[in-house]
N, C-alpha and C. Protein backbone atom coordinates (compact mmCIF):
# COMPACT_ATOMS: atom_id res chain seq x y z
N MET A 1 4.57 19.67 0.82
CA MET A 1 3.82 18.76 1.59
C MET A 1 4.13 17.33 1.01
N SER A 2 4.35 16.33 1.75
CA SER A 2 4.67 14.94 1.49
C SER A 2 3.59 14.03 1.69
N GLN A 3 2.65 14.27 1.24
CA GLN A 3 1.40 13.27 1.43
C GLN A 3 1.46 12.19 0.46
N GLN A 4 1.06 11.10 0.98
CA GLN A 4 0.93 9.78 -0.05
C GLN A 4 -0.33 9.96 -0.70
N PRO A 5 -0.37 9.53 -2.05
CA PRO A 5 -1.68 9.69 -2.88
C PRO A 5 -2.81 9.29 -2.25
N LEU A 6 -2.89 8.00 -1.59
CA LEU A 6 -4.08 7.78 -0.78
C LEU A 6 -4.37 8.64 0.33
N THR A 7 -3.63 9.04 0.98
CA THR A 7 -3.95 10.18 1.89
C THR A 7 -4.53 11.33 1.24
N THR A 8 -4.14 11.96 0.14
CA THR A 8 -4.50 13.07 -0.54
C THR A 8 -6.09 12.76 -1.08
N VAL A 9 -6.29 11.62 -1.57
CA VAL A 9 -7.57 11.26 -2.14
C VAL A 9 -8.57 11.30 -0.93
N LEU A 10 -8.13 10.44 0.16
CA LEU A 10 -8.94 10.51 1.45
C LEU A 10 -9.29 11.84 1.90
N ALA A 11 -8.36 12.84 2.02
CA ALA A 11 -8.64 14.08 2.43
C ALA A 11 -9.51 14.79 1.54
N ALA A 12 -9.40 14.85 0.23
CA ALA A 12 -10.40 15.24 -0.65
C ALA A 12 -11.72 14.75 -0.53
N ALA A 13 -11.86 13.34 -0.23
CA ALA A 13 -13.12 12.64 -0.26
C ALA A 13 -13.73 13.21 1.36
N ASN A 14 -13.01 13.47 2.18
CA ASN A 14 -13.46 13.98 3.58
C ASN A 14 -14.19 15.22 3.38
N THR A 15 -13.65 16.08 2.49
CA THR A 15 -14.08 17.56 2.38
C THR A 15 -15.29 17.73 1.48
N THR A 16 -15.28 16.69 0.54
CA THR A 16 -16.41 16.74 -0.27
C THR A 16 -17.90 16.10 -0.07
N THR A 17 -17.70 14.81 0.49
CA THR A 17 -18.89 13.91 0.73
C THR A 17 -19.39 14.23 2.08
N GLY A 18 -18.62 14.05 3.22
CA GLY A 18 -19.03 13.96 4.45
C GLY A 18 -19.70 12.67 4.98
N PHE A 19 -19.89 11.63 4.03
CA PHE A 19 -20.27 10.44 4.44
C PHE A 19 -19.26 9.27 4.42
N HIS A 20 -18.91 8.72 5.49
CA HIS A 20 -17.95 7.71 5.58
C HIS A 20 -18.65 6.39 6.41
N PRO A 21 -19.01 5.49 5.62
CA PRO A 21 -19.42 4.32 6.13
C PRO A 21 -18.63 3.51 7.03
N GLY A 22 -19.25 2.93 7.93
CA GLY A 22 -18.23 2.07 8.89
C GLY A 22 -18.32 0.71 8.38
N LEU A 23 -17.78 -0.22 9.26
CA LEU A 23 -17.76 -1.51 9.00
C LEU A 23 -19.05 -2.33 8.87
N ALA A 24 -19.87 -1.82 9.69
CA ALA A 24 -21.41 -2.32 9.60
C ALA A 24 -21.99 -2.20 8.25
N TYR A 25 -21.81 -0.96 7.61
CA TYR A 25 -22.25 -0.68 6.34
C TYR A 25 -21.75 -1.67 5.17
N PHE A 26 -20.58 -1.88 5.34
CA PHE A 26 -19.82 -2.92 4.32
C PHE A 26 -20.34 -4.19 4.56
N ALA A 27 -20.57 -4.56 5.93
CA ALA A 27 -21.04 -5.90 6.19
C ALA A 27 -22.35 -6.28 5.89
N LEU A 28 -23.10 -5.08 5.85
CA LEU A 28 -24.53 -5.24 5.43
C LEU A 28 -24.70 -5.36 3.82
N TRP A 29 -23.77 -4.78 3.19
CA TRP A 29 -23.68 -4.78 1.67
C TRP A 29 -23.10 -6.04 1.33
N ALA A 30 -22.39 -6.50 2.01
CA ALA A 30 -21.74 -7.91 1.71
C ALA A 30 -22.86 -9.16 1.80
N LEU A 31 -23.69 -8.86 2.74
CA LEU A 31 -24.70 -9.80 3.06
C LEU A 31 -25.76 -9.67 1.90
N VAL A 32 -26.11 -8.47 1.58
CA VAL A 32 -27.07 -8.14 0.49
C VAL A 32 -26.58 -8.81 -0.96
N ILE A 33 -25.38 -8.59 -1.07
CA ILE A 33 -24.65 -9.02 -2.41
C ILE A 33 -24.69 -10.82 -2.39
N GLY A 34 -24.45 -11.16 -1.26
CA GLY A 34 -24.29 -12.57 -0.93
C GLY A 34 -25.53 -13.33 -1.08
N ALA A 35 -26.77 -12.55 -0.62
CA ALA A 35 -28.00 -13.05 -0.68
C ALA A 35 -28.50 -13.20 -2.23
N ILE A 36 -28.06 -11.97 -3.02
CA ILE A 36 -28.36 -11.80 -4.48
C ILE A 36 -27.88 -12.97 -5.08
N ILE A 37 -26.50 -13.25 -4.88
CA ILE A 37 -25.90 -14.48 -5.59
C ILE A 37 -26.43 -15.67 -5.11
N GLY A 38 -26.39 -16.08 -3.63
CA GLY A 38 -26.72 -17.24 -3.17
C GLY A 38 -28.17 -17.84 -3.29
N VAL A 39 -29.30 -16.97 -3.10
CA VAL A 39 -30.60 -17.41 -3.33
C VAL A 39 -30.88 -18.11 -4.45
N PRO A 40 -30.67 -17.74 -5.58
CA PRO A 40 -30.93 -18.46 -6.80
C PRO A 40 -30.20 -19.60 -7.04
N ILE A 41 -28.86 -19.79 -6.59
CA ILE A 41 -28.35 -21.12 -6.74
C ILE A 41 -28.95 -22.07 -5.55
N TYR A 42 -29.18 -21.56 -4.52
CA TYR A 42 -30.05 -22.36 -3.55
C TYR A 42 -31.18 -22.93 -4.12
N LEU A 43 -32.04 -21.89 -4.89
CA LEU A 43 -33.50 -22.39 -5.61
C LEU A 43 -33.21 -23.42 -6.43
N VAL A 44 -32.24 -23.30 -7.37
CA VAL A 44 -31.91 -24.27 -8.33
C VAL A 44 -31.55 -25.59 -7.82
N ARG A 45 -30.74 -25.69 -6.81
CA ARG A 45 -30.41 -26.79 -6.21
C ARG A 45 -31.61 -27.49 -5.62
N MET A 46 -32.59 -26.76 -5.05
CA MET A 46 -33.47 -27.40 -4.21
C MET A 46 -34.85 -27.98 -5.46
N VAL A 47 -34.85 -27.31 -6.45
CA VAL A 47 -35.67 -27.75 -7.62
C VAL A 47 -35.11 -28.85 -8.34
N ARG A 48 -33.75 -29.12 -8.43
CA ARG A 48 -33.12 -30.22 -8.98
C ARG A 48 -33.23 -31.45 -8.14
N GLU A 49 -33.07 -31.16 -6.94
CA GLU A 49 -33.17 -32.33 -5.88
C GLU A 49 -34.58 -32.75 -5.80
N ARG A 50 -35.64 -31.98 -5.98
CA ARG A 50 -36.97 -32.28 -6.03
C ARG A 50 -37.37 -33.16 -7.12
N ARG A 51 -36.68 -32.84 -8.34
CA ARG A 51 -36.90 -33.59 -9.45
C ARG A 51 -36.35 -34.96 -9.32
N ASN A 52 -35.11 -34.97 -8.85
CA ASN A 52 -34.37 -36.15 -8.83
C ASN A 52 -35.07 -37.24 -7.96
N ARG A 53 -35.77 -36.69 -6.84
CA ARG A 53 -36.65 -37.63 -5.86
C ARG A 53 -37.83 -38.41 -6.70
N ARG A 54 -38.30 -37.82 -7.68
CA ARG A 54 -39.43 -38.52 -8.33
C ARG A 54 -39.07 -39.53 -9.17
């Protein structure tokens, strides 16, 4: 058999897990991680801007 290592790993994953997320799954997690990182930065900027106005 002349399979590539990646193909072998994917074939093994296919037989063991049965769960293969699609593009929407990764897009959802990208949004979740972006929100986790972005919201605190946004809040800090809002607070600093409000303090500077006073």
